[in-house]
Amino acid sequence: MKTLYFGAAALVIAAGGWWASRPDKVPGTESDTATISTTSSDQMVQVSMPALEGDALIGSRVFAANCAACHGDQVGGIDGAGPPLIHKIYEPGHHGDMSFVLAAKRGVTSHHWPFGNMAPIDGITDAEIAMVITFVRTVQRENGIF
């Protein structure tokens, strides 16, 4: 029975990967919904930042300390370093919260973007990861990613 569940999960993941990597949905193409930033910022996409409070505010600080070097301080990605998390690829229906947990704990093999592999984040706690997720999801909602 476990084999069936793992097989079904692998099929769903493969289908999701195919869907996100279709030529008409490749980041940076005309059909991409993210707005490429034309400012002097390092961020790859322009991000509207909401007012942060509670766990989202704490998560922004944890993100700044552990993730911003690659993903940008406003989660807009940094060209050559890490992808923007303010992108439909990272909407909850495609990359659920567990994807962020696993990325932080185990790292990620490059699959949607040409940035290379992401290493695990040493020393980050489950509580910190949860607050980072709250921060990212708050910013995503502010930018129309549900």
N, C-alpha and C. Protein backbone atom coordinates (compact mmCIF):
# COMPACT_ATOMS: atom_id res chain seq x y z
N MET A 1 0.82 -1.18 0.00
CA MET A 1 0.00 0.00 0.00
C MET A 1 0.87 1.26 0.00
N LYS A 2 1.98 1.24 0.77
CA LYS A 2 2.88 2.38 0.81
C LYS A 2 3.45 2.65 -0.57
N THR A 3 3.75 1.59 -1.32
CA THR A 3 4.28 1.75 -2.67
C THR A 3 3.30 2.52 -3.54
N LEU A 4 2.02 2.23 -3.41
CA LEU A 4 1.00 2.93 -4.17
C LEU A 4 0.99 4.42 -3.83
N TYR A 5 1.06 4.75 -2.53
CA TYR A 5 1.08 6.15 -2.11
C TYR A 5 2.32 6.86 -2.63
N PHE A 6 3.49 6.21 -2.52
CA PHE A 6 4.72 6.82 -3.01
C PHE A 6 4.67 7.01 -4.52
N GLY A 7 4.13 6.03 -5.22
CA GLY A 7 3.98 6.13 -6.67
C GLY A 7 3.07 7.27 -7.06
N ALA A 8 1.95 7.39 -6.36
CA ALA A 8 1.00 8.47 -6.63
C ALA A 8 1.63 9.83 -6.32
N ALA A 9 2.38 9.91 -5.22
CA ALA A 9 3.05 11.16 -4.86
C ALA A 9 4.08 11.53 -5.92
N ALA A 10 4.84 10.55 -6.38
CA ALA A 10 5.85 10.81 -7.42
C ALA A 10 5.20 11.30 -8.70
N LEU A 11 4.06 10.72 -9.05
CA LEU A 11 3.34 11.14 -10.24
C LEU A 11 2.84 12.58 -10.10
N VAL A 12 2.30 12.93 -8.95
CA VAL A 12 1.83 14.29 -8.71
C VAL A 12 2.99 15.27 -8.77
N ILE A 13 4.12 14.93 -8.17
CA ILE A 13 5.29 15.80 -8.19
C ILE A 13 5.80 15.97 -9.61
N ALA A 14 5.87 14.88 -10.36
CA ALA A 14 6.34 14.95 -11.76
C ALA A 14 5.40 15.80 -12.60
N ALA A 15 4.09 15.63 -12.41
CA ALA A 15 3.12 16.42 -13.16
C ALA A 15 3.24 17.90 -12.80
N GLY A 16 3.41 18.17 -11.52
CA GLY A 16 3.60 19.57 -11.09
C GLY A 16 4.85 20.17 -11.67
N GLY A 17 5.93 19.41 -11.71
CA GLY A 17 7.17 19.89 -12.31
C GLY A 17 7.00 20.16 -13.79
N TRP A 18 6.29 19.27 -14.48
CA TRP A 18 6.03 19.49 -15.91
C TRP A 18 5.20 20.74 -16.11
N TRP A 19 4.13 20.89 -15.30
CA TRP A 19 3.24 22.03 -15.45
C TRP A 19 4.00 23.34 -15.24
N ALA A 20 4.83 23.40 -14.21
CA ALA A 20 5.54 24.63 -13.90
C ALA A 20 6.65 24.93 -14.89
N SER A 21 7.15 23.92 -15.58
CA SER A 21 8.27 24.14 -16.48
C SER A 21 7.88 24.19 -17.95
N ARG A 22 6.56 24.25 -18.23
CA ARG A 22 6.13 24.35 -19.62
C ARG A 22 6.74 25.58 -20.24
N PRO A 23 7.07 25.54 -21.53
CA PRO A 23 7.69 26.70 -22.18
C PRO A 23 6.88 27.98 -22.04
N ASP A 24 5.55 27.88 -22.00
CA ASP A 24 4.74 29.09 -21.86
C ASP A 24 4.68 29.59 -20.43
N LYS A 25 5.32 28.88 -19.49
CA LYS A 25 5.31 29.30 -18.08
C LYS A 25 6.72 29.46 -17.52
N VAL A 26 7.72 29.52 -18.35
CA VAL A 26 9.08 29.65 -17.87
C VAL A 26 9.29 31.05 -17.30
N PRO A 27 9.85 31.18 -16.09
CA PRO A 27 10.08 32.49 -15.51
C PRO A 27 10.86 33.38 -16.47
N GLY A 28 10.43 34.63 -16.57
CA GLY A 28 11.12 35.58 -17.41
C GLY A 28 10.55 35.69 -18.81
N THR A 29 9.61 34.82 -19.18
CA THR A 29 8.99 34.92 -20.49
C THR A 29 7.84 35.90 -20.42
N GLU A 30 7.30 36.26 -21.56
CA GLU A 30 6.21 37.23 -21.61
C GLU A 30 4.99 36.76 -20.83
N SER A 31 4.76 35.46 -20.74
CA SER A 31 3.58 34.97 -20.04
C SER A 31 3.77 34.86 -18.54
N ASP A 32 4.99 35.11 -18.08
CA ASP A 32 5.28 35.04 -16.66
C ASP A 32 4.54 36.17 -15.93
N THR A 33 3.92 35.87 -14.79
CA THR A 33 3.13 36.87 -14.09
C THR A 33 3.96 37.76 -13.18
N ALA A 34 5.19 37.39 -12.87
CA ALA A 34 6.02 38.21 -12.00
C ALA A 34 6.50 39.43 -12.78
N THR A 35 6.55 40.57 -12.11
CA THR A 35 7.03 41.79 -12.74
C THR A 35 8.53 41.89 -12.51
N ILE A 36 9.28 41.94 -13.58
CA ILE A 36 10.73 42.07 -13.46
C ILE A 36 11.05 43.47 -12.98
N SER A 37 11.85 43.56 -11.98
CA SER A 37 12.19 44.85 -11.39
C SER A 37 13.11 45.62 -12.31
N THR A 38 12.84 46.90 -12.46
CA THR A 38 13.72 47.76 -13.24
C THR A 38 14.42 48.76 -12.33
N THR A 39 14.34 48.54 -11.04
CA THR A 39 14.99 49.42 -10.09
C THR A 39 16.43 48.99 -9.91
N SER A 40 17.17 49.74 -9.13
CA SER A 40 18.57 49.40 -8.89
C SER A 40 18.72 48.29 -7.85
N SER A 41 17.61 47.82 -7.30
CA SER A 41 17.63 46.76 -6.30
C SER A 41 18.18 45.47 -6.89
N ASP A 42 18.72 44.64 -6.02
CA ASP A 42 19.19 43.32 -6.43
C ASP A 42 18.03 42.38 -6.73
N GLN A 43 16.84 42.70 -6.27
CA GLN A 43 15.70 41.81 -6.40
C GLN A 43 15.33 41.59 -7.87
N MET A 44 14.97 40.36 -8.18
CA MET A 44 14.58 40.01 -9.55
C MET A 44 13.16 40.45 -9.86
N VAL A 45 12.28 40.48 -8.88
CA VAL A 45 10.91 40.91 -9.09
C VAL A 45 10.59 42.03 -8.11
N GLN A 46 9.70 42.89 -8.54
CA GLN A 46 9.25 43.97 -7.69
C GLN A 46 8.26 43.40 -6.68
N VAL A 47 8.43 43.74 -5.42
CA VAL A 47 7.61 43.16 -4.36
C VAL A 47 6.95 44.29 -3.56
N SER A 48 5.66 44.14 -3.34
CA SER A 48 4.93 45.04 -2.46
C SER A 48 4.95 44.42 -1.06
N MET A 49 5.57 45.11 -0.11
CA MET A 49 5.68 44.58 1.24
C MET A 49 4.51 45.02 2.10
N PRO A 50 3.84 44.06 2.75
CA PRO A 50 2.75 44.41 3.67
C PRO A 50 3.31 44.84 5.03
N ALA A 51 2.44 45.42 5.85
CA ALA A 51 2.81 45.67 7.23
C ALA A 51 2.94 44.30 7.91
N LEU A 52 4.01 44.10 8.62
CA LEU A 52 4.25 42.81 9.26
C LEU A 52 4.09 42.93 10.76
N GLU A 53 3.54 41.87 11.36
CA GLU A 53 3.40 41.82 12.80
C GLU A 53 3.45 40.36 13.24
N GLY A 54 3.63 40.15 14.52
CA GLY A 54 3.61 38.80 15.09
C GLY A 54 4.63 37.88 14.44
N ASP A 55 4.18 36.65 14.16
CA ASP A 55 5.09 35.65 13.59
C ASP A 55 5.65 36.06 12.24
N ALA A 56 4.88 36.81 11.44
CA ALA A 56 5.38 37.26 10.13
C ALA A 56 6.56 38.21 10.32
N LEU A 57 6.49 39.08 11.30
CA LEU A 57 7.59 40.01 11.57
C LEU A 57 8.82 39.25 12.06
N ILE A 58 8.62 38.33 12.99
CA ILE A 58 9.74 37.52 13.47
C ILE A 58 10.30 36.70 12.32
N GLY A 59 9.42 36.12 11.50
CA GLY A 59 9.86 35.35 10.34
C GLY A 59 10.67 36.17 9.37
N SER A 60 10.34 37.46 9.22
CA SER A 60 11.12 38.31 8.32
C SER A 60 12.55 38.48 8.83
N ARG A 61 12.71 38.51 10.13
CA ARG A 61 14.05 38.64 10.74
C ARG A 61 14.84 37.34 10.58
N VAL A 62 14.16 36.22 10.77
CA VAL A 62 14.83 34.92 10.57
C VAL A 62 15.21 34.77 9.10
N PHE A 63 14.30 35.17 8.21
CA PHE A 63 14.56 35.12 6.77
C PHE A 63 15.77 35.99 6.43
N ALA A 64 15.82 37.20 6.97
CA ALA A 64 16.94 38.11 6.70
C ALA A 64 18.27 37.49 7.11
N ALA A 65 18.26 36.78 8.23
CA ALA A 65 19.50 36.18 8.74
C ALA A 65 19.91 34.92 8.00
N ASN A 66 18.96 34.19 7.42
CA ASN A 66 19.26 32.88 6.86
C ASN A 66 19.01 32.72 5.37
N CYS A 67 18.17 33.55 4.79
CA CYS A 67 17.68 33.30 3.43
C CYS A 67 17.89 34.47 2.46
N ALA A 68 17.93 35.68 2.99
CA ALA A 68 17.92 36.88 2.15
C ALA A 68 19.15 37.00 1.24
N ALA A 69 20.26 36.42 1.63
CA ALA A 69 21.46 36.52 0.80
C ALA A 69 21.22 35.95 -0.60
N CYS A 70 20.34 34.96 -0.70
CA CYS A 70 20.02 34.36 -2.00
C CYS A 70 18.65 34.77 -2.52
N HIS A 71 17.66 34.85 -1.64
CA HIS A 71 16.29 35.11 -2.06
C HIS A 71 15.89 36.57 -1.97
N GLY A 72 16.79 37.45 -1.51
CA GLY A 72 16.49 38.86 -1.39
C GLY A 72 15.77 39.19 -0.10
N ASP A 73 16.01 40.39 0.41
CA ASP A 73 15.41 40.75 1.69
C ASP A 73 13.89 40.90 1.62
N GLN A 74 13.35 41.08 0.41
CA GLN A 74 11.90 41.15 0.24
C GLN A 74 11.38 39.93 -0.51
N VAL A 75 12.10 38.84 -0.48
CA VAL A 75 11.81 37.56 -1.12
C VAL A 75 11.61 37.66 -2.63
N GLY A 76 12.20 38.70 -3.23
CA GLY A 76 12.07 38.91 -4.67
C GLY A 76 13.14 38.22 -5.49
N GLY A 77 14.00 37.40 -4.86
CA GLY A 77 15.05 36.68 -5.57
C GLY A 77 16.22 37.58 -5.90
N ILE A 78 17.38 36.98 -6.06
CA ILE A 78 18.58 37.71 -6.46
C ILE A 78 19.17 36.99 -7.66
N ASP A 79 19.28 37.72 -8.76
CA ASP A 79 19.79 37.16 -10.00
C ASP A 79 21.15 36.51 -9.76
N GLY A 80 21.27 35.27 -10.15
CA GLY A 80 22.51 34.53 -9.99
C GLY A 80 22.68 33.87 -8.63
N ALA A 81 21.75 34.14 -7.70
CA ALA A 81 21.90 33.59 -6.36
C ALA A 81 20.73 32.69 -5.96
N GLY A 82 19.50 33.19 -6.09
CA GLY A 82 18.35 32.40 -5.67
C GLY A 82 17.06 32.96 -6.24
N PRO A 83 16.07 32.10 -6.42
CA PRO A 83 14.83 32.51 -7.07
C PRO A 83 13.94 33.38 -6.19
N PRO A 84 13.05 34.12 -6.83
CA PRO A 84 12.05 34.88 -6.08
C PRO A 84 10.99 33.92 -5.54
N LEU A 85 10.65 34.07 -4.29
CA LEU A 85 9.57 33.27 -3.71
C LEU A 85 8.22 33.94 -3.95
N ILE A 86 8.26 35.14 -4.49
CA ILE A 86 7.05 35.85 -4.90
C ILE A 86 6.86 35.53 -6.37
N HIS A 87 6.40 34.33 -6.60
CA HIS A 87 6.20 33.80 -7.95
C HIS A 87 5.18 32.68 -7.86
N LYS A 88 4.38 32.53 -8.90
CA LYS A 88 3.32 31.52 -8.85
C LYS A 88 3.84 30.10 -8.68
N ILE A 89 5.10 29.86 -9.01
CA ILE A 89 5.68 28.53 -8.77
C ILE A 89 5.62 28.18 -7.27
N TYR A 90 5.73 29.20 -6.41
CA TYR A 90 5.77 28.95 -4.97
C TYR A 90 4.43 29.17 -4.29
N GLU A 91 3.35 29.26 -5.08
CA GLU A 91 2.03 29.39 -4.44
C GLU A 91 1.74 28.12 -3.64
N PRO A 92 0.93 28.24 -2.60
CA PRO A 92 0.68 27.09 -1.71
C PRO A 92 0.18 25.84 -2.43
N GLY A 93 -0.56 25.99 -3.51
CA GLY A 93 -1.06 24.82 -4.23
C GLY A 93 0.02 24.07 -5.00
N HIS A 94 1.15 24.71 -5.24
CA HIS A 94 2.24 24.04 -5.97
C HIS A 94 3.39 23.68 -5.04
N HIS A 95 3.81 24.60 -4.22
CA HIS A 95 4.83 24.34 -3.20
C HIS A 95 4.18 24.62 -1.84
N GLY A 96 3.67 23.58 -1.23
CA GLY A 96 3.04 23.72 0.07
C GLY A 96 4.06 24.05 1.15
N ASP A 97 3.58 24.33 2.33
CA ASP A 97 4.46 24.69 3.44
C ASP A 97 5.53 23.64 3.70
N MET A 98 5.19 22.37 3.52
CA MET A 98 6.17 21.31 3.76
C MET A 98 7.35 21.42 2.79
N SER A 99 7.15 21.97 1.61
CA SER A 99 8.26 22.17 0.68
C SER A 99 9.30 23.11 1.28
N PHE A 100 8.82 24.15 1.97
CA PHE A 100 9.75 25.09 2.61
C PHE A 100 10.45 24.43 3.80
N VAL A 101 9.71 23.62 4.55
CA VAL A 101 10.31 22.91 5.68
C VAL A 101 11.43 22.00 5.18
N LEU A 102 11.13 21.20 4.17
CA LEU A 102 12.12 20.27 3.64
C LEU A 102 13.30 21.00 3.01
N ALA A 103 13.04 22.12 2.34
CA ALA A 103 14.13 22.89 1.75
C ALA A 103 15.09 23.38 2.83
N ALA A 104 14.54 23.89 3.92
CA ALA A 104 15.38 24.39 5.00
C ALA A 104 16.15 23.27 5.68
N LYS A 105 15.50 22.13 5.89
CA LYS A 105 16.13 21.03 6.62
C LYS A 105 17.05 20.16 5.77
N ARG A 106 16.66 19.92 4.52
CA ARG A 106 17.40 18.97 3.68
C ARG A 106 18.11 19.61 2.49
N GLY A 107 17.74 20.84 2.18
CA GLY A 107 18.24 21.47 0.96
C GLY A 107 17.34 21.06 -0.21
N VAL A 108 17.64 21.60 -1.38
CA VAL A 108 16.83 21.35 -2.56
C VAL A 108 17.73 21.16 -3.77
N THR A 109 17.42 20.16 -4.56
CA THR A 109 18.09 19.99 -5.84
C THR A 109 17.44 20.94 -6.82
N SER A 110 18.23 21.68 -7.56
CA SER A 110 17.71 22.65 -8.52
C SER A 110 16.74 21.97 -9.48
N HIS A 111 15.54 22.58 -9.64
CA HIS A 111 14.57 21.97 -10.54
C HIS A 111 13.73 22.98 -11.31
N HIS A 112 13.41 24.14 -10.77
CA HIS A 112 12.62 25.12 -11.50
C HIS A 112 13.47 26.25 -12.07
N TRP A 113 14.59 26.50 -11.48
CA TRP A 113 15.40 27.67 -11.81
C TRP A 113 16.86 27.26 -12.03
N PRO A 114 17.61 28.05 -12.76
CA PRO A 114 19.03 27.71 -13.02
C PRO A 114 20.00 28.30 -11.98
N PHE A 115 19.66 28.21 -10.70
CA PHE A 115 20.51 28.78 -9.66
C PHE A 115 21.40 27.75 -8.99
N GLY A 116 21.24 26.50 -9.32
CA GLY A 116 21.98 25.46 -8.64
C GLY A 116 21.24 24.97 -7.41
N ASN A 117 21.83 24.05 -6.71
CA ASN A 117 21.19 23.43 -5.55
C ASN A 117 21.21 24.37 -4.34
N MET A 118 20.22 24.21 -3.48
CA MET A 118 20.16 24.95 -2.22
C MET A 118 20.63 24.02 -1.11
N ALA A 119 21.57 24.49 -0.33
CA ALA A 119 22.06 23.70 0.81
C ALA A 119 21.07 23.81 1.96
N PRO A 120 21.05 22.82 2.86
CA PRO A 120 20.20 22.95 4.05
C PRO A 120 20.66 24.14 4.89
N ILE A 121 19.76 24.67 5.69
CA ILE A 121 20.07 25.80 6.57
C ILE A 121 20.47 25.22 7.93
N ASP A 122 21.73 25.30 8.24
CA ASP A 122 22.23 24.76 9.50
C ASP A 122 21.70 25.53 10.70
N GLY A 123 21.24 24.80 11.70
CA GLY A 123 20.86 25.38 12.97
C GLY A 123 19.49 26.03 13.03
N ILE A 124 18.74 26.03 11.93
CA ILE A 124 17.40 26.64 11.98
C ILE A 124 16.43 25.66 12.65
N THR A 125 15.57 26.20 13.49
CA THR A 125 14.64 25.36 14.25
C THR A 125 13.30 25.25 13.51
N ASP A 126 12.50 24.28 13.92
CA ASP A 126 11.16 24.11 13.35
C ASP A 126 10.32 25.37 13.57
N ALA A 127 10.44 25.97 14.75
CA ALA A 127 9.67 27.18 15.05
C ALA A 127 10.10 28.33 14.14
N GLU A 128 11.39 28.46 13.90
CA GLU A 128 11.88 29.51 13.02
C GLU A 128 11.40 29.29 11.58
N ILE A 129 11.44 28.04 11.14
CA ILE A 129 10.96 27.72 9.80
C ILE A 129 9.48 28.09 9.67
N ALA A 130 8.69 27.77 10.69
CA ALA A 130 7.26 28.09 10.67
C ALA A 130 7.04 29.59 10.56
N MET A 131 7.85 30.37 11.25
CA MET A 131 7.71 31.83 11.18
C MET A 131 8.15 32.37 9.83
N VAL A 132 9.19 31.77 9.24
CA VAL A 132 9.61 32.16 7.90
C VAL A 132 8.48 31.88 6.90
N ILE A 133 7.85 30.73 7.03
CA ILE A 133 6.74 30.39 6.15
C ILE A 133 5.61 31.41 6.31
N THR A 134 5.30 31.79 7.54
CA THR A 134 4.28 32.80 7.78
C THR A 134 4.66 34.11 7.09
N PHE A 135 5.91 34.51 7.20
CA PHE A 135 6.40 35.71 6.53
C PHE A 135 6.24 35.61 5.01
N VAL A 136 6.74 34.52 4.43
CA VAL A 136 6.69 34.35 2.97
C VAL A 136 5.24 34.33 2.50
N ARG A 137 4.37 33.59 3.16
CA ARG A 137 2.97 33.52 2.75
C ARG A 137 2.28 34.88 2.89
N THR A 138 2.63 35.65 3.90
CA THR A 138 2.06 36.99 4.07
C THR A 138 2.45 37.89 2.90
N VAL A 139 3.72 37.86 2.53
CA VAL A 139 4.19 38.67 1.40
C VAL A 139 3.59 38.16 0.09
N GLN A 140 3.49 36.86 -0.05
CA GLN A 140 2.86 36.31 -1.26
C GLN A 140 1.43 36.81 -1.40
N ARG A 141 0.65 36.74 -0.34
CA ARG A 141 -0.75 37.19 -0.40
C ARG A 141 -0.83 38.67 -0.78
N GLU A 142 0.06 39.47 -0.22
CA GLU A 142 0.10 40.91 -0.56
C GLU A 142 0.36 41.10 -2.06
N ASN A 143 1.04 40.14 -2.67
CA ASN A 143 1.40 40.25 -4.08
C ASN A 143 0.56 39.37 -4.98
N GLY A 144 -0.59 38.95 -4.49
CA GLY A 144 -1.56 38.21 -5.32
C GLY A 144 -1.29 36.75 -5.52
N ILE A 145 -0.44 36.17 -4.68
CA ILE A 145 -0.15 34.74 -4.78
C ILE A 145 -0.85 34.04 -3.63
N PHE A 146 -1.81 33.20 -3.96
CA PHE A 146 -2.63 32.55 -2.92
C PHE A 146 -2.34 31.08 -2.92
